Protein backbone atom coordinates (compact mmCIF):
# COMPACT_ATOMS: atom_id res chain seq x y z
CA MET A 1 -24.25 51.25 -69.79
CA THR A 2 -24.47 47.34 -67.71
CA SER A 3 -23.58 47.17 -64.30
CA HIS A 4 -20.18 44.64 -63.95
CA LEU A 5 -21.35 43.89 -60.11
CA ALA A 6 -23.32 40.51 -59.36
CA ALA A 7 -26.16 40.82 -57.04
CA ALA A 8 -24.61 39.56 -53.53
CA THR A 9 -25.86 36.17 -52.85
CA PRO A 10 -26.69 34.73 -49.59
CA PRO A 11 -24.04 32.84 -47.67
CA VAL A 12 -24.76 28.95 -47.72
CA TRP A 13 -24.24 28.40 -44.59
CA GLN A 14 -24.32 30.93 -41.91
CA VAL A 15 -24.45 31.35 -37.81
CA ARG A 16 -25.16 33.76 -35.72
CA CYS A 17 -26.34 34.32 -31.81
CA ALA A 18 -30.34 35.95 -31.71
CA THR A 19 -31.26 39.00 -30.82
CA ALA A 20 -34.68 39.96 -29.13
CA ALA A 21 -35.50 40.76 -32.87
CA ASP A 22 -34.85 37.51 -33.60
CA LEU A 23 -37.79 35.67 -31.43
CA PRO A 24 -40.15 35.51 -33.44
CA ALA A 25 -38.72 34.16 -36.34
CA ILE A 26 -37.61 31.81 -33.51
CA TYR A 27 -41.39 31.35 -32.30
CA GLN A 28 -42.45 30.20 -35.53
CA PHE A 29 -39.63 27.61 -36.00
CA TYR A 30 -40.45 25.89 -33.04
CA ARG A 31 -44.02 25.95 -34.03
CA GLU A 32 -43.02 24.33 -37.33
CA VAL A 33 -40.59 21.77 -35.51
CA CYS A 34 -43.55 20.73 -32.63
CA ALA A 35 -46.01 20.32 -35.61
CA ALA A 36 -43.84 18.02 -37.71
CA ILE A 37 -42.57 16.19 -34.33
CA ALA A 38 -46.19 15.07 -33.22
CA THR A 39 -46.44 13.06 -36.73
CA THR A 40 -42.90 10.94 -36.11
CA PRO A 41 -42.70 8.02 -33.63
CA TYR A 42 -40.09 9.15 -31.87
CA GLY A 43 -38.65 13.01 -30.70
CA PRO A 44 -38.56 15.19 -27.68
CA ALA A 45 -41.79 15.07 -25.84
CA TRP A 46 -42.46 19.19 -27.12
CA GLN A 47 -45.48 20.47 -27.22
CA TRP A 48 -45.34 24.25 -28.51
CA GLY A 49 -46.20 27.01 -25.52
CA ILE A 50 -45.61 24.20 -23.03
CA ASN A 51 -41.94 23.33 -23.81
CA PRO A 52 -40.33 25.08 -25.81
CA SER A 53 -42.71 28.19 -25.35
CA GLU A 54 -42.04 32.18 -26.05
CA GLN A 55 -41.38 32.43 -22.20
CA ILE A 56 -38.81 29.41 -22.22
CA LEU A 57 -36.74 30.76 -25.55
CA ARG A 58 -37.00 34.66 -24.04
CA ARG A 59 -35.93 33.46 -20.47
CA ASP A 60 -32.50 31.21 -22.65
CA LEU A 61 -32.05 34.35 -24.78
CA ARG A 62 -31.84 36.27 -21.44
CA GLN A 63 -29.89 33.80 -19.19
CA GLY A 64 -27.57 32.70 -22.33
CA LYS A 65 -27.82 32.29 -25.87
CA LEU A 66 -29.73 31.15 -29.02
CA VAL A 67 -27.49 29.81 -32.17
CA LEU A 68 -28.87 30.27 -35.25
CA GLY A 69 -28.08 28.43 -38.18
CA TYR A 70 -28.97 29.67 -41.49
CA ALA A 71 -29.05 27.93 -44.82
CA HIS A 72 -29.28 29.63 -47.38
CA ALA A 73 -30.63 32.73 -45.49
CA GLN A 74 -33.41 30.82 -43.84
CA LEU A 75 -33.85 29.53 -40.79
CA ALA A 76 -32.73 26.27 -40.62
CA ALA A 77 -31.11 25.37 -37.02
CA VAL A 78 -32.05 26.57 -33.60
CA GLY A 79 -29.94 25.67 -30.07
CA ALA A 80 -30.75 27.14 -26.85
CA LEU A 81 -26.90 27.54 -25.52
CA LEU A 82 -26.86 28.28 -21.39
CA PRO A 83 -23.86 28.69 -18.61
CA GLY A 84 -23.66 26.01 -15.84
CA GLU A 85 -24.93 22.75 -15.17
CA ASP A 86 -28.79 22.05 -15.78
CA PRO A 87 -30.49 21.43 -12.35
CA ASP A 88 -32.28 18.01 -13.56
CA TYR A 89 -28.45 16.75 -14.52
CA ARG A 90 -26.62 17.83 -10.85
CA GLY A 91 -24.86 14.76 -9.36
CA ALA A 92 -24.62 12.45 -12.45
CA ALA A 93 -21.94 10.36 -13.81
CA TRP A 94 -20.01 12.53 -15.81
CA GLN A 95 -16.64 11.51 -16.55
CA LEU A 96 -15.32 14.82 -17.61
CA PRO A 97 -14.55 17.35 -14.52
CA ALA A 98 -15.44 20.58 -15.07
CA THR A 99 -16.60 23.55 -12.65
CA ASP A 100 -20.13 24.87 -13.07
CA ALA A 101 -18.55 27.76 -14.50
CA GLU A 102 -17.16 25.45 -17.26
CA ILE A 103 -20.25 23.37 -18.04
CA GLY A 104 -22.39 24.54 -20.89
CA VAL A 105 -25.49 23.04 -21.69
CA LEU A 106 -27.73 22.49 -24.96
CA HIS A 107 -31.42 22.42 -24.96
CA LEU A 108 -33.84 23.02 -27.43
CA TYR A 109 -31.30 21.94 -29.89
CA ALA A 110 -33.39 21.05 -33.22
CA VAL A 111 -33.40 21.34 -37.28
CA HIS A 112 -36.16 22.09 -39.41
CA PRO A 113 -38.39 19.58 -40.80
CA HIS A 114 -37.43 21.27 -44.34
CA PHE A 115 -33.74 20.27 -43.69
CA ARG A 116 -32.99 16.93 -42.43
CA GLY A 117 -30.98 15.00 -44.10
CA ARG A 118 -28.51 17.81 -45.29
CA GLY A 119 -25.57 17.48 -42.85
CA ILE A 120 -26.95 20.50 -41.26
CA SER A 121 -27.00 18.89 -37.52
CA THR A 122 -23.17 17.86 -37.95
CA LYS A 123 -22.77 21.94 -38.95
CA MET A 124 -24.31 23.32 -36.36
CA LEU A 125 -23.42 21.16 -33.78
CA ALA A 126 -19.41 22.28 -34.83
CA ALA A 127 -20.59 25.87 -34.54
CA ILE A 128 -21.90 25.22 -31.29
CA LEU A 129 -18.99 23.51 -29.99
CA ALA A 130 -17.21 26.49 -30.79
CA GLN A 131 -19.37 29.41 -29.87
CA ALA A 132 -19.56 27.12 -26.24
CA HIS A 133 -15.58 27.28 -26.28
CA ALA A 134 -15.93 30.57 -27.05
CA ASP A 135 -17.50 31.36 -23.94
CA GLY A 136 -15.15 29.58 -21.88
CA GLN A 137 -17.05 26.22 -21.52
CA THR A 138 -15.10 23.11 -21.60
CA VAL A 139 -18.00 20.73 -21.52
CA LEU A 140 -20.69 20.58 -22.99
CA HIS A 141 -24.17 18.70 -21.61
CA LEU A 142 -26.92 17.82 -23.12
CA ASP A 143 -29.87 15.20 -23.39
CA ALA A 144 -31.53 13.19 -25.80
CA ILE A 145 -35.06 11.78 -24.17
CA LYS A 146 -34.46 7.67 -24.58
CA GLY A 147 -36.65 6.47 -26.94
CA ASN A 148 -35.18 9.08 -29.49
CA VAL A 149 -32.79 7.09 -31.52
CA PRO A 150 -31.79 9.44 -34.45
CA ALA A 151 -30.41 12.51 -31.81
CA GLU A 152 -28.59 9.58 -29.89
CA LYS A 153 -26.97 8.58 -33.24
CA LEU A 154 -26.24 12.09 -33.74
CA TYR A 155 -25.01 13.14 -30.39
CA THR A 156 -22.55 10.00 -30.27
CA ALA A 157 -21.54 10.13 -33.81
CA ALA A 158 -20.49 14.08 -33.33
CA GLY A 159 -18.40 12.91 -30.38
CA PHE A 160 -20.69 12.78 -27.27
CA ARG A 161 -20.47 10.55 -24.74
CA PHE A 162 -22.99 8.82 -22.40
CA ALA A 163 -23.09 9.56 -18.67
CA GLU A 164 -26.21 8.06 -17.34
CA GLU A 165 -30.08 7.83 -17.36
CA ARG A 166 -32.00 9.86 -15.70
CA ARG A 167 -35.64 10.19 -14.57
CA VAL A 168 -37.06 13.86 -14.31
CA THR A 169 -40.51 15.13 -14.39
CA MET A 170 -41.13 18.16 -17.00
CA PRO A 171 -44.72 20.25 -15.99
CA GLN A 172 -47.25 19.54 -17.86
CA ILE A 173 -45.01 16.43 -19.48
CA GLY A 174 -44.82 14.22 -16.96
CA ARG A 175 -42.09 11.78 -16.42
CA LEU A 176 -39.63 11.11 -18.88
CA THR A 177 -36.46 9.31 -19.28
CA LEU A 178 -33.00 11.36 -20.31
CA ARG A 179 -30.15 9.82 -21.26
CA LEU A 180 -27.36 12.30 -20.60
CA MET A 181 -24.48 12.71 -22.97
CA GLU A 182 -21.43 15.07 -22.61
CA ARG A 183 -18.18 16.18 -24.88
CA VAL A 184 -15.08 18.04 -24.34
CA THR A 185 -15.60 21.62 -26.65
CA ALA A 186 -12.62 22.22 -27.86
CA ALA A 187 -12.16 18.98 -29.76
CA SER A 188 -12.76 19.03 -33.54
CA MET A 189 -15.67 17.10 -34.60
CA GLN A 190 -14.46 14.77 -37.64
């Protein structure tokens, strides 16, 4: 007698918030992302062990959420969703009024190199915006390092608006120019 039950197949796309048990897979994800960034002419100034690092990711998990996106059960995208304004962003020319409690900040957002060009970023940003909204954050702030044209195009297409450029100094990396962007969390992504 044969079984009529089919083996369960993993969902094509799944998003969830990380737990401490996910940290080893997240560390490996960022190691691979940083290795790929080193071979491109644009991208964030990330260096595994400096920014991001295990310490930064553990801190972000404690203070906010690490949002994980899976494509066919493989970790395809990660973003750190943190509550409250980033100290480097304070005093920026934001167009959308919000209190610190209403602001979410997206950091360390990346899609794994094996999943680029498949529409993952659009799905993941929609999920992050939905999570921010569910957490009571009405506005999401983020930055793109000046010169990272693909990231800026992605964020603009997702409805983020440019607020201002800001020079910051990152430990062990140096001075960078950030292009600060913002978006309402409740609006749907098209």
